Amino acid sequence: MNARALSLLALLASIWGSSFLFIRLAVDDFGVVPLTASRSLIAAVTLTPLALLKGKGALLRENAWHLFVLGLISTALPFCFLSISTRYTSAGFASILNAFTPICSALIAWSWLREQLSLPALLGIAVSFVGLLVMVGSPELLAADYGLLPVAVGIGATLLYGLTGIYSRKFVPHLPPLVVSAGCQIAAAAALLPLALLQWPEAPIAASSWLIAAILGIVCTGTAYIIYFHLLATVGVTRTVIVTYLSPVFAMLWGVLFIDETVTWRMLVGAAGIMAGIALTSYRPGPRAAT
């Protein structure tokens, strides 16, 4: 990769890593569903004009049902789950759980599409689960009033993200990424807004929290998707997946720098195990050189 691609990759990881910090800062003011609905609505307002300017309005209408399903499983539900996880653990912890997504994708592809798992992939899944067990074995987490709820919803989000990739490959492989992104945010906002209005906080939401919601929608969702799909088109999937390794690093760094979060040895060991597992699961041997 050239310097520009590497810079964009680092920027994307930094943006997605910061989303956990921003959720942690704003979720208490908004509540889980209102924050997620606001983020999706702002992202939809950011992405939809771009799709319309590129003449993709007909594709949005023709694929409304599949985009609605994808909006639920890629945005509405996982964003809510990650907000719960981040609210009751830490930005760093939740980001490490989120990095479990490639493992879930491999498992879903194996169970649904009957894709074969190589020996390195099986070993990677096992190593990742060991890393997860190390993290969730924290006495402080197990003794908390909410128990393993933040871990369960965090893993639930990664399962939904894994399902998203499989569903989009199976039902809408022909759609441009911008159409999928805009459609998902429109669907998520439409699905969540009624419940968000019912759960809207009685106390006025601080201006700083509204600013964070705007950053989550415009930067961490809208802009991040544009960078992500640009990288997919220019450097390919294999190299772009490196962002999975970098995002938790940035999330832990931002948490330590800005809200005095603690990075425990369990988080570091667990993160190392999960990242090693992802590397093994994503491994694709290259062609052998001719002799």
C-alpha atoms as a PDB file:
ATOM      1  CA  MET A   1       0.000   0.000   0.000  1.00  0.00           C
ATOM      2  CA  ASN A   2       1.155   3.536  -0.680  1.00  0.00           C
ATOM      3  CA  ALA A   3       1.429   6.244   1.968  1.00  0.00           C
ATOM      4  CA  ARG A   4      -1.981   7.706   1.130  1.00  0.00           C
ATOM      5  CA  ALA A   5      -3.765   4.362   1.555  1.00  0.00           C
ATOM      6  CA  LEU A   6      -1.946   3.718   4.834  1.00  0.00           C
ATOM      7  CA  SER A   7      -2.920   7.180   6.079  1.00  0.00           C
ATOM      8  CA  LEU A   8      -6.577   6.590   5.190  1.00  0.00           C
ATOM      9  CA  LEU A   9      -6.487   3.194   6.885  1.00  0.00           C
ATOM     10  CA  ALA A  10      -5.095   4.714  10.074  1.00  0.00           C
ATOM     11  CA  LEU A  11      -7.639   7.541   9.883  1.00  0.00           C
ATOM     12  CA  LEU A  12     -10.521   5.072   9.514  1.00  0.00           C
ATOM     13  CA  ALA A  13      -9.305   2.996  12.461  1.00  0.00           C
ATOM     14  CA  SER A  14      -8.951   6.172  14.505  1.00  0.00           C
ATOM     15  CA  ILE A  15     -12.488   7.293  13.616  1.00  0.00           C
ATOM     16  CA  TRP A  16     -14.095   3.940  14.344  1.00  0.00           C
ATOM     17  CA  GLY A  17     -12.065   3.597  17.542  1.00  0.00           C
ATOM     18  CA  SER A  18     -13.276   7.022  18.673  1.00  0.00           C
ATOM     19  CA  SER A  19     -16.940   6.027  18.200  1.00  0.00           C
ATOM     20  CA  PHE A  20     -16.795   3.932  21.381  1.00  0.00           C
ATOM     21  CA  LEU A  21     -15.485   6.929  23.314  1.00  0.00           C
ATOM     22  CA  PHE A  22     -18.212   9.182  21.916  1.00  0.00           C
ATOM     23  CA  ILE A  23     -20.923   6.641  22.752  1.00  0.00           C
ATOM     24  CA  ARG A  24     -19.616   6.422  26.307  1.00  0.00           C
ATOM     25  CA  LEU A  25     -19.762  10.201  26.667  1.00  0.00           C
ATOM     26  CA  ALA A  26     -23.277  10.719  25.270  1.00  0.00           C
ATOM     27  CA  VAL A  27     -25.283   7.589  26.065  1.00  0.00           C
ATOM     28  CA  ASP A  28     -26.202   8.617  29.607  1.00  0.00           C
ATOM     29  CA  ASP A  29     -27.709  11.903  28.388  1.00  0.00           C
ATOM     30  CA  PHE A  30     -29.633  10.384  25.486  1.00  0.00           C
ATOM     31  CA  GLY A  31     -30.317   6.801  26.470  1.00  0.00           C
ATOM     32  CA  VAL A  32     -29.417   3.884  24.211  1.00  0.00           C
ATOM     33  CA  VAL A  33     -32.237   3.997  21.642  1.00  0.00           C
ATOM     34  CA  PRO A  34     -32.506   7.801  21.297  1.00  0.00           C
ATOM     35  CA  LEU A  35     -28.737   8.078  20.766  1.00  0.00           C
ATOM     36  CA  THR A  36     -28.701   5.309  18.177  1.00  0.00           C
ATOM     37  CA  ALA A  37     -31.722   6.734  16.351  1.00  0.00           C
ATOM     38  CA  SER A  38     -30.175  10.208  16.296  1.00  0.00           C
ATOM     39  CA  ARG A  39     -26.870   8.819  14.991  1.00  0.00           C
ATOM     40  CA  SER A  40     -28.600   6.865  12.216  1.00  0.00           C
ATOM     41  CA  LEU A  41     -30.806   9.803  11.220  1.00  0.00           C
ATOM     42  CA  ILE A  42     -27.827  12.150  10.981  1.00  0.00           C
ATOM     43  CA  ALA A  43     -25.886   9.526   8.978  1.00  0.00           C
ATOM     44  CA  ALA A  44     -28.871   9.059   6.648  1.00  0.00           C
ATOM     45  CA  VAL A  45     -29.069  12.805   6.060  1.00  0.00           C
ATOM     46  CA  THR A  46     -25.334  12.734   5.268  1.00  0.00           C
ATOM     47  CA  LEU A  47     -25.309   9.740   2.906  1.00  0.00           C
ATOM     48  CA  THR A  48     -28.677   9.917   1.116  1.00  0.00           C
ATOM     49  CA  PRO A  49     -27.992  13.155  -0.827  1.00  0.00           C
ATOM     50  CA  LEU A  50     -24.743  11.613  -2.072  1.00  0.00           C
ATOM     51  CA  ALA A  51     -26.629   8.543  -3.316  1.00  0.00           C
ATOM     52  CA  LEU A  52     -29.289  10.697  -4.994  1.00  0.00           C
ATOM     53  CA  LEU A  53     -26.695  12.944  -6.643  1.00  0.00           C
ATOM     54  CA  LYS A  54     -25.135   9.828  -8.145  1.00  0.00           C
ATOM     55  CA  GLY A  55     -28.519   8.780  -9.545  1.00  0.00           C
ATOM     56  CA  LYS A  56     -29.045   5.831  -7.186  1.00  0.00           C
ATOM     57  CA  GLY A  57     -32.561   6.737  -6.023  1.00  0.00           C
ATOM     58  CA  ALA A  58     -34.184   3.991  -8.110  1.00  0.00           C
ATOM     59  CA  LEU A  59     -31.908   1.360  -6.570  1.00  0.00           C
ATOM     60  CA  LEU A  60     -32.908   2.518  -3.084  1.00  0.00           C
ATOM     61  CA  ARG A  61     -36.591   2.105  -3.928  1.00  0.00           C
ATOM     62  CA  GLU A  62     -36.274  -1.203  -5.800  1.00  0.00           C
ATOM     63  CA  ASN A  63     -34.333  -2.862  -2.974  1.00  0.00           C
ATOM     64  CA  ALA A  64     -36.216  -1.304  -0.070  1.00  0.00           C
ATOM     65  CA  TRP A  65     -37.063  -4.609   1.655  1.00  0.00           C
ATOM     66  CA  HIS A  66     -33.521  -6.011   1.652  1.00  0.00           C
ATOM     67  CA  LEU A  67     -32.147  -2.634   2.719  1.00  0.00           C
ATOM     68  CA  PHE A  68     -34.648  -2.539   5.569  1.00  0.00           C
ATOM     69  CA  VAL A  69     -33.482  -5.955   6.793  1.00  0.00           C
ATOM     70  CA  LEU A  70     -29.865  -4.898   6.447  1.00  0.00           C
ATOM     71  CA  GLY A  71     -30.623  -1.670   8.299  1.00  0.00           C
ATOM     72  CA  LEU A  72     -31.901  -3.678  11.246  1.00  0.00           C
ATOM     73  CA  ILE A  73     -29.047  -6.192  11.401  1.00  0.00           C
ATOM     74  CA  SER A  74     -26.183  -3.882  10.419  1.00  0.00           C
ATOM     75  CA  THR A  75     -27.122  -0.691  12.214  1.00  0.00           C
ATOM     76  CA  ALA A  76     -30.231  -0.446  14.392  1.00  0.00           C
ATOM     77  CA  LEU A  77     -29.713  -3.516  16.576  1.00  0.00           C
ATOM     78  CA  PRO A  78     -25.892  -3.683  16.732  1.00  0.00           C
ATOM     79  CA  PHE A  79     -25.557   0.059  17.388  1.00  0.00           C
ATOM     80  CA  CYS A  80     -27.983  -0.323  20.305  1.00  0.00           C
ATOM     81  CA  PHE A  81     -26.148  -3.405  21.567  1.00  0.00           C
ATOM     82  CA  LEU A  82     -22.757  -1.690  21.382  1.00  0.00           C
ATOM     83  CA  SER A  83     -24.150   1.349  23.188  1.00  0.00           C
ATOM     84  CA  ILE A  84     -25.281  -0.908  26.039  1.00  0.00           C
ATOM     85  CA  SER A  85     -21.926  -2.696  26.101  1.00  0.00           C
ATOM     86  CA  THR A  86     -19.964   0.564  26.101  1.00  0.00           C
ATOM     87  CA  ARG A  87     -22.210   2.099  28.753  1.00  0.00           C
ATOM     88  CA  TYR A  88     -21.576  -0.679  31.272  1.00  0.00           C
ATOM     89  CA  THR A  89     -17.956  -1.603  30.545  1.00  0.00           C
ATOM     90  CA  SER A  90     -15.499   0.717  28.821  1.00  0.00           C
ATOM     91  CA  ALA A  91     -14.787   2.009  25.333  1.00  0.00           C
ATOM     92  CA  GLY A  92     -11.712  -0.212  25.087  1.00  0.00           C
ATOM     93  CA  PHE A  93     -13.472  -3.346  26.289  1.00  0.00           C
ATOM     94  CA  ALA A  94     -16.421  -2.873  23.935  1.00  0.00           C
ATOM     95  CA  SER A  95     -14.116  -2.232  20.974  1.00  0.00           C
ATOM     96  CA  ILE A  96     -12.259  -5.499  21.607  1.00  0.00           C
ATOM     97  CA  LEU A  97     -15.572  -7.361  21.650  1.00  0.00           C
ATOM     98  CA  ASN A  98     -16.488  -5.658  18.382  1.00  0.00           C
ATOM     99  CA  ALA A  99     -13.255  -6.913  16.821  1.00  0.00           C
ATOM    100  CA  PHE A 100     -14.712 -10.411  17.170  1.00  0.00           C
ATOM    101  CA  THR A 101     -16.782  -9.752  14.008  1.00  0.00           C
ATOM    102  CA  PRO A 102     -14.545 -11.619  11.488  1.00  0.00           C
ATOM    103  CA  ILE A 103     -14.727 -14.724  13.670  1.00  0.00           C
ATOM    104  CA  CYS A 104     -18.531 -14.544  13.725  1.00  0.00           C
ATOM    105  CA  SER A 105     -18.555 -13.989   9.958  1.00  0.00           C
ATOM    106  CA  ALA A 106     -16.540 -17.157   9.418  1.00  0.00           C
ATOM    107  CA  LEU A 107     -18.835 -19.178  11.685  1.00  0.00           C
ATOM    108  CA  ILE A 108     -21.997 -17.907   9.988  1.00  0.00           C
ATOM    109  CA  ALA A 109     -20.547 -18.547   6.513  1.00  0.00           C
ATOM    110  CA  TRP A 110     -19.715 -22.089   7.623  1.00  0.00           C
ATOM    111  CA  SER A 111     -23.154 -22.794   9.111  1.00  0.00           C
ATOM    112  CA  TRP A 112     -25.325 -21.004   6.533  1.00  0.00           C
ATOM    113  CA  LEU A 113     -23.391 -21.037   3.263  1.00  0.00           C
ATOM    114  CA  ARG A 114     -21.544 -24.291   4.014  1.00  0.00           C
ATOM    115  CA  GLU A 115     -18.193 -22.647   3.392  1.00  0.00           C
ATOM    116  CA  GLN A 116     -15.335 -24.863   4.489  1.00  0.00           C
ATOM    117  CA  LEU A 117     -13.126 -23.765   7.374  1.00  0.00           C
ATOM    118  CA  SER A 118      -9.418 -24.382   6.933  1.00  0.00           C
ATOM    119  CA  LEU A 119      -7.234 -25.685   9.744  1.00  0.00           C
ATOM    120  CA  PRO A 120      -5.787 -22.169  10.399  1.00  0.00           C
ATOM    121  CA  ALA A 121      -9.348 -20.796  10.535  1.00  0.00           C
ATOM    122  CA  LEU A 122     -10.429 -23.422  13.070  1.00  0.00           C
ATOM    123  CA  LEU A 123      -7.340 -22.707  15.149  1.00  0.00           C
ATOM    124  CA  GLY A 124      -8.038 -18.970  14.867  1.00  0.00           C
ATOM    125  CA  ILE A 125     -11.593 -19.396  16.133  1.00  0.00           C
ATOM    126  CA  ALA A 126     -10.324 -21.400  19.106  1.00  0.00           C
ATOM    127  CA  VAL A 127      -7.614 -18.853  19.930  1.00  0.00           C
ATOM    128  CA  SER A 128     -10.124 -15.981  19.707  1.00  0.00           C
ATOM    129  CA  PHE A 129     -12.524 -17.702  22.076  1.00  0.00           C
ATOM    130  CA  VAL A 130      -9.702 -18.212  24.579  1.00  0.00           C
ATOM    131  CA  GLY A 131      -8.931 -14.498  24.336  1.00  0.00           C
ATOM    132  CA  LEU A 132     -12.605 -13.698  24.915  1.00  0.00           C
ATOM    133  CA  LEU A 133     -12.737 -15.967  27.975  1.00  0.00           C
ATOM    134  CA  VAL A 134      -9.686 -14.256  29.436  1.00  0.00           C
ATOM    135  CA  MET A 135     -11.383 -10.872  29.082  1.00  0.00           C
ATOM    136  CA  VAL A 136     -14.782 -11.825  30.476  1.00  0.00           C
ATOM    137  CA  GLY A 137     -13.221 -13.710  33.399  1.00  0.00           C
ATOM    138  CA  SER A 138     -12.526 -10.434  35.165  1.00  0.00           C
ATOM    139  CA  PRO A 139     -13.741 -10.666  38.795  1.00  0.00           C
ATOM    140  CA  GLU A 140     -14.939  -7.053  38.624  1.00  0.00           C
ATOM    141  CA  LEU A 141     -17.105  -7.790  35.595  1.00  0.00           C
ATOM    142  CA  LEU A 142     -18.523 -11.013  36.987  1.00  0.00           C
ATOM    143  CA  ALA A 143     -19.340  -9.360  40.310  1.00  0.00           C
ATOM    144  CA  ALA A 144     -21.110  -6.329  38.806  1.00  0.00           C
ATOM    145  CA  ASP A 145     -24.881  -5.890  39.093  1.00  0.00           C
ATOM    146  CA  TYR A 146     -25.337  -6.221  35.337  1.00  0.00           C
ATOM    147  CA  GLY A 147     -23.223  -9.415  35.194  1.00  0.00           C
ATOM    148  CA  LEU A 148     -22.353 -10.515  31.685  1.00  0.00           C
ATOM    149  CA  LEU A 149     -25.033  -8.393  29.981  1.00  0.00           C
ATOM    150  CA  PRO A 150     -22.527  -6.029  28.292  1.00  0.00           C
ATOM    151  CA  VAL A 151     -20.523  -9.015  27.039  1.00  0.00           C
ATOM    152  CA  ALA A 152     -23.640 -10.790  25.752  1.00  0.00           C
ATOM    153  CA  VAL A 153     -24.918  -7.759  23.836  1.00  0.00           C
ATOM    154  CA  GLY A 154     -21.415  -7.001  22.545  1.00  0.00           C
ATOM    155  CA  ILE A 155     -21.117 -10.513  21.124  1.00  0.00           C
ATOM    156  CA  GLY A 156     -24.687 -10.167  19.824  1.00  0.00           C
ATOM    157  CA  ALA A 157     -23.585  -7.094  17.856  1.00  0.00           C
ATOM    158  CA  THR A 158     -20.673  -8.983  16.288  1.00  0.00           C
ATOM    159  CA  LEU A 159     -22.983 -11.844  15.310  1.00  0.00           C
ATOM    160  CA  LEU A 160     -25.286  -9.356  13.608  1.00  0.00           C
ATOM    161  CA  TYR A 161     -22.353  -7.751  11.815  1.00  0.00           C
ATOM    162  CA  GLY A 162     -21.268 -11.194  10.655  1.00  0.00           C
ATOM    163  CA  LEU A 163     -24.799 -11.908   9.458  1.00  0.00           C
ATOM    164  CA  THR A 164     -24.813  -8.582   7.618  1.00  0.00           C
ATOM    165  CA  GLY A 165     -21.907  -9.584   5.398  1.00  0.00           C
ATOM    166  CA  ILE A 166     -23.482 -12.936   4.573  1.00  0.00           C
ATOM    167  CA  TYR A 167     -26.942 -11.431   3.900  1.00  0.00           C
ATOM    168  CA  SER A 168     -25.564  -8.716   1.624  1.00  0.00           C
ATOM    169  CA  ARG A 169     -23.476 -11.251  -0.324  1.00  0.00           C
ATOM    170  CA  LYS A 170     -26.497 -13.502  -0.757  1.00  0.00           C
ATOM    171  CA  PHE A 171     -29.238 -10.996  -1.579  1.00  0.00           C
ATOM    172  CA  VAL A 172     -27.785  -7.650  -2.724  1.00  0.00           C
ATOM    173  CA  PRO A 173     -24.308  -8.302  -4.150  1.00  0.00           C
ATOM    174  CA  HIS A 174     -25.187  -6.100  -7.138  1.00  0.00           C
ATOM    175  CA  LEU A 175     -25.806  -2.930  -5.132  1.00  0.00           C
ATOM    176  CA  PRO A 176     -23.133  -0.216  -4.945  1.00  0.00           C
ATOM    177  CA  PRO A 177     -21.751   0.265  -1.410  1.00  0.00           C
ATOM    178  CA  LEU A 178     -23.087   3.822  -1.185  1.00  0.00           C
ATOM    179  CA  VAL A 179     -26.638   2.585  -1.849  1.00  0.00           C
ATOM    180  CA  VAL A 180     -26.321  -0.093   0.833  1.00  0.00           C
ATOM    181  CA  SER A 181     -24.880   2.388   3.334  1.00  0.00           C
ATOM    182  CA  ALA A 182     -27.519   5.059   2.738  1.00  0.00           C
ATOM    183  CA  GLY A 183     -30.357   2.525   2.666  1.00  0.00           C
ATOM    184  CA  CYS A 184     -29.240   0.937   5.921  1.00  0.00           C
ATOM    185  CA  GLN A 185     -29.113   4.276   7.727  1.00  0.00           C
ATOM    186  CA  ILE A 186     -32.536   5.309   6.396  1.00  0.00           C
ATOM    187  CA  ALA A 187     -34.011   1.981   7.495  1.00  0.00           C
ATOM    188  CA  ALA A 188     -32.367   2.087  10.908  1.00  0.00           C
ATOM    189  CA  ALA A 189     -33.573   5.627  11.574  1.00  0.00           C
ATOM    190  CA  ALA A 190     -37.122   4.772  10.473  1.00  0.00           C
ATOM    191  CA  ALA A 191     -37.190   1.631  12.641  1.00  0.00           C
ATOM    192  CA  LEU A 192     -35.797   3.285  15.757  1.00  0.00           C
ATOM    193  CA  LEU A 193     -37.406   6.727  15.750  1.00  0.00           C
ATOM    194  CA  PRO A 194     -40.842   5.662  17.132  1.00  0.00           C
ATOM    195  CA  LEU A 195     -39.230   3.862  20.084  1.00  0.00           C
ATOM    196  CA  ALA A 196     -36.706   6.664  20.518  1.00  0.00           C
ATOM    197  CA  LEU A 197     -39.513   9.217  20.850  1.00  0.00           C
ATOM    198  CA  LEU A 198     -41.203   7.059  23.487  1.00  0.00           C
ATOM    199  CA  GLN A 199     -37.922   6.795  25.434  1.00  0.00           C
ATOM    200  CA  TRP A 200     -36.789  10.373  24.864  1.00  0.00           C
ATOM    201  CA  PRO A 201     -35.301  11.771  28.091  1.00  0.00           C
ATOM    202  CA  GLU A 202     -37.363  14.279  30.012  1.00  0.00           C
ATOM    203  CA  ALA A 203     -34.340  16.360  30.962  1.00  0.00           C
ATOM    204  CA  PRO A 204     -32.885  18.584  28.233  1.00  0.00           C
ATOM    205  CA  ILE A 205     -29.981  16.970  26.413  1.00  0.00           C
ATOM    206  CA  ALA A 206     -26.733  18.901  26.803  1.00  0.00           C
ATOM    207  CA  ALA A 207     -25.383  20.713  23.764  1.00  0.00           C
ATOM    208  CA  SER A 208     -22.141  18.745  24.103  1.00  0.00           C
ATOM    209  CA  SER A 209     -24.076  15.469  23.773  1.00  0.00           C
ATOM    210  CA  TRP A 210     -25.863  16.753  20.673  1.00  0.00           C
ATOM    211  CA  LEU A 211     -22.464  17.632  19.234  1.00  0.00           C
ATOM    212  CA  ILE A 212     -21.273  14.093  19.961  1.00  0.00           C
ATOM    213  CA  ALA A 213     -24.368  12.630  18.260  1.00  0.00           C
ATOM    214  CA  ALA A 214     -23.601  14.760  15.216  1.00  0.00           C
ATOM    215  CA  ILE A 215     -19.987  13.554  15.183  1.00  0.00           C
ATOM    216  CA  LEU A 216     -21.169   9.942  15.474  1.00  0.00           C
ATOM    217  CA  GLY A 217     -23.530  10.382  12.546  1.00  0.00           C
ATOM    218  CA  ILE A 218     -21.469  12.553  10.211  1.00  0.00           C
ATOM    219  CA  VAL A 219     -17.921  11.409  10.980  1.00  0.00           C
ATOM    220  CA  CYS A 220     -18.047   7.969  12.600  1.00  0.00           C
ATOM    221  CA  THR A 221     -20.762   6.666  10.274  1.00  0.00           C
ATOM    222  CA  GLY A 222     -21.172   8.792   7.133  1.00  0.00           C
ATOM    223  CA  THR A 223     -17.559   9.840   6.521  1.00  0.00           C
ATOM    224  CA  ALA A 224     -16.183   6.527   7.785  1.00  0.00           C
ATOM    225  CA  TYR A 225     -18.290   4.589   5.282  1.00  0.00           C
ATOM    226  CA  ILE A 226     -17.002   6.746   2.432  1.00  0.00           C
ATOM    227  CA  ILE A 227     -13.372   6.113   3.466  1.00  0.00           C
ATOM    228  CA  TYR A 228     -14.075   2.416   4.022  1.00  0.00           C
ATOM    229  CA  PHE A 229     -15.606   1.828   0.619  1.00  0.00           C
ATOM    230  CA  HIS A 230     -12.883   3.878  -1.061  1.00  0.00           C
ATOM    231  CA  LEU A 231     -10.286   1.588   0.520  1.00  0.00           C
ATOM    232  CA  LEU A 232     -12.227  -1.504  -0.542  1.00  0.00           C
ATOM    233  CA  ALA A 233     -12.181  -0.252  -4.120  1.00  0.00           C
ATOM    234  CA  THR A 234      -8.527   0.815  -4.182  1.00  0.00           C
ATOM    235  CA  VAL A 235      -6.599  -1.618  -1.964  1.00  0.00           C
ATOM    236  CA  GLY A 236      -9.020  -4.549  -1.649  1.00  0.00           C
ATOM    237  CA  VAL A 237     -10.727  -6.445   1.149  1.00  0.00           C
ATOM    238  CA  THR A 238      -7.645  -8.260   2.486  1.00  0.00           C
ATOM    239  CA  ARG A 239      -5.747  -5.078   3.218  1.00  0.00           C
ATOM    240  CA  THR A 240      -8.743  -3.077   4.373  1.00  0.00           C
ATOM    241  CA  VAL A 241      -9.511  -5.692   7.047  1.00  0.00           C
ATOM    242  CA  ILE A 242      -6.402  -4.432   8.864  1.00  0.00           C
ATOM    243  CA  VAL A 243      -8.710  -1.781  10.293  1.00  0.00           C
ATOM    244  CA  THR A 244     -10.165  -4.552  12.489  1.00  0.00           C
ATOM    245  CA  TYR A 245      -6.816  -4.839  14.251  1.00  0.00           C
ATOM    246  CA  LEU A 246      -6.242  -1.117  14.636  1.00  0.00           C
ATOM    247  CA  SER A 247      -9.644   0.112  15.859  1.00  0.00           C
ATOM    248  CA  PRO A 248      -9.411  -1.415  19.378  1.00  0.00           C
ATOM    249  CA  VAL A 249      -5.932   0.084  19.773  1.00  0.00           C
ATOM    250  CA  PHE A 250      -7.293   3.553  19.068  1.00  0.00           C
ATOM    251  CA  ALA A 251     -10.396   2.948  21.218  1.00  0.00           C
ATOM    252  CA  MET A 252      -8.249   2.003  24.215  1.00  0.00           C
ATOM    253  CA  LEU A 253      -5.901   4.938  23.559  1.00  0.00           C
ATOM    254  CA  TRP A 254      -8.733   7.493  23.361  1.00  0.00           C
ATOM    255  CA  GLY A 255     -10.344   6.021  26.477  1.00  0.00           C
ATOM    256  CA  VAL A 256      -7.119   6.359  28.464  1.00  0.00           C
ATOM    257  CA  LEU A 257      -6.326   9.859  27.192  1.00  0.00           C
ATOM    258  CA  PHE A 258      -9.734  11.494  27.416  1.00  0.00           C
ATOM    259  CA  ILE A 259     -11.839   9.751  30.063  1.00  0.00           C
ATOM    260  CA  ASP A 260      -9.197   8.104  32.257  1.00  0.00           C
ATOM    261  CA  GLU A 261     -10.206   4.534  31.437  1.00  0.00           C
ATOM    262  CA  THR A 262      -7.965   1.734  32.619  1.00  0.00           C
ATOM    263  CA  VAL A 263      -6.496  -0.864  30.302  1.00  0.00           C
ATOM    264  CA  THR A 264      -6.172  -4.097  32.289  1.00  0.00           C
ATOM    265  CA  TRP A 265      -3.857  -7.007  31.619  1.00  0.00           C
ATOM    266  CA  ARG A 266      -6.920  -9.117  30.847  1.00  0.00           C
ATOM    267  CA  MET A 267      -7.947  -6.681  28.120  1.00  0.00           C
ATOM    268  CA  LEU A 268      -4.471  -6.741  26.594  1.00  0.00           C
ATOM    269  CA  VAL A 269      -4.160 -10.528  26.677  1.00  0.00           C
ATOM    270  CA  GLY A 270      -7.721 -10.982  25.429  1.00  0.00           C
ATOM    271  CA  ALA A 271      -7.184  -8.469  22.629  1.00  0.00           C
ATOM    272  CA  ALA A 272      -3.963 -10.220  21.604  1.00  0.00           C
ATOM    273  CA  GLY A 273      -5.789 -13.564  21.482  1.00  0.00           C
ATOM    274  CA  ILE A 274      -8.696 -12.219  19.455  1.00  0.00           C
ATOM    275  CA  MET A 275      -6.415 -10.404  16.992  1.00  0.00           C
ATOM    276  CA  ALA A 276      -4.247 -13.511  16.563  1.00  0.00           C
ATOM    277  CA  GLY A 277      -7.408 -15.504  15.938  1.00  0.00           C
ATOM    278  CA  ILE A 278      -8.596 -13.016  13.323  1.00  0.00           C
ATOM    279  CA  ALA A 279      -5.231 -13.216  11.572  1.00  0.00           C
ATOM    280  CA  LEU A 280      -5.439 -17.012  11.444  1.00  0.00           C
ATOM    281  CA  THR A 281      -9.088 -17.009  10.342  1.00  0.00           C
ATOM    282  CA  SER A 282      -8.382 -14.456   7.586  1.00  0.00           C
ATOM    283  CA  TYR A 283      -5.246 -16.232   6.386  1.00  0.00           C
ATOM    284  CA  ARG A 284      -5.270 -17.138   2.713  1.00  0.00           C
ATOM    285  CA  PRO A 285      -2.143 -18.915   1.424  1.00  0.00           C
ATOM    286  CA  GLY A 286      -0.766 -17.384  -1.732  1.00  0.00           C
ATOM    287  CA  PRO A 287       0.047 -19.386  -4.853  1.00  0.00           C
ATOM    288  CA  ARG A 288       3.198 -21.448  -4.675  1.00  0.00           C
ATOM    289  CA  ALA A 289       6.099 -20.251  -6.722  1.00  0.00           C
ATOM    290  CA  ALA A 290       6.935 -22.364  -9.723  1.00  0.00           C
ATOM    291  CA  THR A 291       9.971 -24.587  -9.337  1.00  0.00           C
END
